[in-house]
Amino acid sequence: MTAFIVSLIVWGGYFGIFLLMALENIVPPVPSEVIMGLGGIAVAQGHMAFVPLVVAGTLGTVAGNYFWYWVGRRIGYERLRPFVERHGRWLTMTWNDVERLHRFFVRRGGWVVFVFRFMPTFRTIISLPAGMTRMPRWKFLGFTAAGSAIWNTVLAAAGLLLGSRFRELDRYVGPVAIAITVAIVIAYLYRVATWRPEAR
């Protein structure tokens, strides 16, 4: 898979970066950490320039996230009520919880979208509720672009600094990401086991 990504980057250049980053946020085939890291290596080897790399990666990220934002707007959170009322235990929430989350997202959603750009997995998922709560497009695109630009700059800089040793970083990032994922799963299972619906 790594050889394929490198080949696509070399062949497609900045468009390849844009395409991979867009796909990573729609149907994640390759983590953005790997894409932008390898892009940084390409910069170190003289095949790409740093600023256009970050711009292409950020545009791809915004495009991929906008897809889920659009899906959320089409669905609307009101249509979730029958599903929430039927499967509340597994969601560990009632419709009142959804209403509270909706009100919170309307007030603070922009900053939530920005902060979640730095979190694995959740940086894509957060686009769905942003669309469901009908966050203004300009706000969603602005906060998404700002957070993505910072994160992509960090990843590309890591690849640039480490050069061909980027795999050494993955040796440490991988276990940390797995540990975080396991912790989230355990926390979810605990919440399901101990969750009680609030009194009506």
Protein backbone atom coordinates (compact mmCIF):
# COMPACT_ATOMS: atom_id res chain seq x y z
CA MET A 1 0.00 0.00 0.00
CA THR A 2 2.86 2.39 0.82
CA ALA A 3 4.45 1.83 -2.58
CA PHE A 4 1.09 2.56 -4.21
CA ILE A 5 0.72 5.84 -2.29
CA VAL A 6 4.24 6.95 -3.17
CA SER A 7 3.62 6.10 -6.83
CA LEU A 8 0.37 8.05 -6.85
CA ILE A 9 2.02 11.04 -5.21
CA VAL A 10 4.88 11.01 -7.70
CA TRP A 11 2.51 10.49 -10.65
CA GLY A 12 -0.31 12.81 -9.54
CA GLY A 13 1.69 15.41 -7.68
CA TYR A 14 -0.48 17.88 -5.82
CA PHE A 15 -3.64 16.52 -7.42
CA GLY A 16 -2.70 13.08 -6.08
CA ILE A 17 -2.40 14.59 -2.59
CA PHE A 18 -5.77 16.31 -3.00
CA LEU A 19 -7.44 13.11 -4.20
CA LEU A 20 -6.00 10.91 -1.46
CA MET A 21 -6.90 13.39 1.28
CA ALA A 22 -10.45 13.73 -0.07
CA LEU A 23 -10.88 9.93 -0.21
CA GLU A 24 -9.34 9.56 3.26
CA ASN A 25 -12.22 11.62 4.65
CA ILE A 26 -14.97 9.87 2.67
CA VAL A 27 -14.00 6.19 2.75
CA PRO A 28 -10.70 6.14 4.66
CA PRO A 29 -8.32 3.96 2.61
CA VAL A 30 -5.12 5.53 3.94
CA PRO A 31 -4.58 7.66 7.08
CA SER A 32 -3.87 11.34 6.48
CA GLU A 33 -0.80 10.98 8.71
CA VAL A 34 0.74 8.68 6.11
CA ILE A 35 -0.33 10.75 3.09
CA MET A 36 0.96 14.08 4.37
CA GLY A 37 4.00 12.44 5.94
CA LEU A 38 4.99 10.93 2.60
CA GLY A 39 4.27 14.27 1.00
CA GLY A 40 6.75 15.82 3.43
CA ILE A 41 9.30 13.20 2.39
CA ALA A 42 8.67 14.17 -1.24
CA VAL A 43 9.45 17.77 -0.27
CA ALA A 44 12.67 16.65 1.41
CA GLN A 45 13.64 14.81 -1.76
CA GLY A 46 12.93 17.85 -3.93
CA HIS A 47 9.86 16.46 -5.73
CA MET A 48 7.35 18.89 -4.22
CA ALA A 49 7.16 22.29 -2.52
CA PHE A 50 5.98 22.59 1.08
CA VAL A 51 3.28 25.30 0.80
CA PRO A 52 1.50 23.85 -2.28
CA LEU A 53 1.59 20.45 -0.57
CA VAL A 54 -0.20 21.78 2.51
CA VAL A 55 -2.69 23.72 0.36
CA ALA A 56 -3.52 20.64 -1.74
CA GLY A 57 -3.87 18.47 1.35
CA THR A 58 -6.10 20.99 3.08
CA LEU A 59 -8.36 21.43 0.05
CA GLY A 60 -8.70 17.65 -0.18
CA THR A 61 -9.57 17.43 3.51
CA VAL A 62 -12.21 20.14 3.19
CA ALA A 63 -13.70 18.48 0.10
CA GLY A 64 -13.92 15.07 1.80
CA ASN A 65 -15.46 16.49 4.96
CA TYR A 66 -17.94 18.57 3.00
CA PHE A 67 -19.31 15.33 1.57
CA TRP A 68 -20.38 14.18 5.07
CA TYR A 69 -21.57 17.66 5.95
CA TRP A 70 -23.84 17.55 2.87
CA VAL A 71 -25.12 14.10 3.87
CA GLY A 72 -25.92 15.44 7.34
CA ARG A 73 -27.85 18.39 5.93
CA ARG A 74 -29.85 16.08 3.69
CA ILE A 75 -30.79 13.81 6.60
CA GLY A 76 -31.45 16.41 9.29
CA TYR A 77 -31.31 15.43 12.94
CA GLU A 78 -35.12 15.28 13.34
CA ARG A 79 -35.25 12.09 11.27
CA LEU A 80 -33.11 10.33 13.85
CA ARG A 81 -35.83 10.34 16.52
CA PRO A 82 -37.38 6.90 15.73
CA PHE A 83 -33.91 5.36 15.57
CA VAL A 84 -32.80 6.97 18.85
CA GLU A 85 -35.98 5.91 20.63
CA ARG A 86 -35.57 2.32 19.41
CA HIS A 87 -31.83 1.93 19.96
CA GLY A 88 -31.24 4.38 22.80
CA ARG A 89 -29.41 1.84 24.94
CA TRP A 90 -26.72 1.20 22.35
CA LEU A 91 -26.42 4.90 21.67
CA THR A 92 -26.50 5.51 25.45
CA MET A 93 -28.74 8.50 24.96
CA THR A 94 -32.39 9.51 24.83
CA TRP A 95 -34.01 12.00 22.49
CA ASN A 96 -33.66 14.65 25.23
CA ASP A 97 -29.91 14.06 25.11
CA VAL A 98 -29.96 14.55 21.35
CA GLU A 99 -31.87 17.82 21.79
CA ARG A 100 -29.30 19.04 24.31
CA LEU A 101 -26.44 18.09 22.00
CA HIS A 102 -28.20 19.90 19.18
CA ARG A 103 -28.51 23.09 21.21
CA PHE A 104 -24.87 22.84 22.28
CA PHE A 105 -23.72 22.28 18.70
CA VAL A 106 -25.71 25.26 17.48
CA ARG A 107 -23.94 27.46 20.05
CA ARG A 108 -20.42 25.98 20.04
CA GLY A 109 -20.29 23.78 16.95
CA GLY A 110 -17.68 25.83 15.13
CA TRP A 111 -15.06 25.32 17.81
CA VAL A 112 -15.99 21.65 18.13
CA VAL A 113 -15.35 21.16 14.40
CA PHE A 114 -12.01 23.00 14.72
CA VAL A 115 -10.77 21.01 17.73
CA PHE A 116 -11.86 17.65 16.29
CA ARG A 117 -9.64 18.23 13.24
CA PHE A 118 -6.74 17.12 15.45
CA MET A 119 -8.36 13.85 16.57
CA PRO A 120 -8.08 10.55 14.67
CA THR A 121 -11.39 9.15 13.38
CA PHE A 122 -13.53 11.87 14.99
CA ARG A 123 -12.27 14.59 12.66
CA THR A 124 -14.36 13.08 9.87
CA ILE A 125 -17.35 11.92 11.94
CA ILE A 126 -17.92 15.42 13.34
CA SER A 127 -18.89 16.66 9.87
CA LEU A 128 -22.12 14.66 10.02
CA PRO A 129 -23.65 16.40 13.08
CA ALA A 130 -22.40 19.71 11.72
CA GLY A 131 -24.57 19.14 8.67
CA MET A 132 -27.48 17.73 10.67
CA THR A 133 -27.63 20.86 12.83
CA ARG A 134 -27.39 22.95 9.66
CA MET A 135 -24.29 24.83 10.71
CA PRO A 136 -23.77 27.67 8.22
CA ARG A 137 -21.63 26.46 5.32
CA TRP A 138 -19.15 29.32 5.64
CA LYS A 139 -18.59 28.52 9.31
CA PHE A 140 -18.15 24.79 8.68
CA LEU A 141 -15.78 25.34 5.77
CA GLY A 142 -13.82 28.01 7.64
CA PHE A 143 -13.26 26.01 10.84
CA THR A 144 -12.57 22.84 8.86
CA ALA A 145 -10.00 24.58 6.67
CA ALA A 146 -8.30 26.28 9.63
CA GLY A 147 -7.96 23.12 11.71
CA SER A 148 -6.98 20.99 8.72
CA ALA A 149 -4.33 23.46 7.58
CA ILE A 150 -2.65 23.38 11.00
CA TRP A 151 -2.77 19.59 11.28
CA ASN A 152 -1.59 19.01 7.71
CA THR A 153 1.28 21.45 8.25
CA VAL A 154 2.39 19.50 11.31
CA LEU A 155 2.23 16.17 9.45
CA ALA A 156 4.06 17.47 6.38
CA ALA A 157 6.71 19.09 8.57
CA ALA A 158 7.21 15.77 10.39
CA GLY A 159 7.76 14.03 7.07
CA LEU A 160 10.10 16.78 5.92
CA LEU A 161 12.19 16.62 9.09
CA LEU A 162 12.32 12.85 9.29
CA GLY A 163 12.83 12.31 5.58
CA SER A 164 13.11 8.63 4.79
CA ARG A 165 12.89 7.81 8.51
CA PHE A 166 9.17 8.64 8.61
CA ARG A 167 8.39 4.98 9.33
CA GLU A 168 10.14 5.42 12.67
CA LEU A 169 7.45 7.91 13.65
CA ASP A 170 4.73 5.48 12.60
CA ARG A 171 6.29 2.90 14.93
CA TYR A 172 5.30 5.13 17.86
CA VAL A 173 2.17 6.80 16.49
CA GLY A 174 0.57 3.46 15.60
CA PRO A 175 0.59 1.97 19.13
CA VAL A 176 -0.63 5.27 20.62
CA ALA A 177 -3.53 5.43 18.16
CA ILE A 178 -4.42 1.80 18.94
CA ALA A 179 -4.29 2.47 22.69
CA ILE A 180 -6.62 5.46 22.32
CA THR A 181 -9.04 3.42 20.22
CA VAL A 182 -9.07 0.57 22.78
CA ALA A 183 -9.69 3.07 25.58
CA ILE A 184 -12.63 4.55 23.67
CA VAL A 185 -14.14 1.10 23.07
CA ILE A 186 -13.78 0.16 26.75
CA ALA A 187 -15.34 3.46 27.83
CA TYR A 188 -18.25 2.88 25.44
CA LEU A 189 -18.89 -0.68 26.68
CA TYR A 190 -18.79 0.55 30.28
CA ARG A 191 -21.27 3.30 29.44
CA VAL A 192 -23.62 0.81 27.75
CA ALA A 193 -23.47 -1.52 30.75
CA THR A 194 -24.15 1.23 33.29
CA TRP A 195 -26.48 3.48 31.26
CA ARG A 196 -29.97 4.13 32.57
CA PRO A 197 -32.50 6.26 30.67
CA GLU A 198 -33.54 9.41 32.49
CA ALA A 199 -37.00 9.55 33.98
CA ARG A 200 -39.55 11.11 31.68
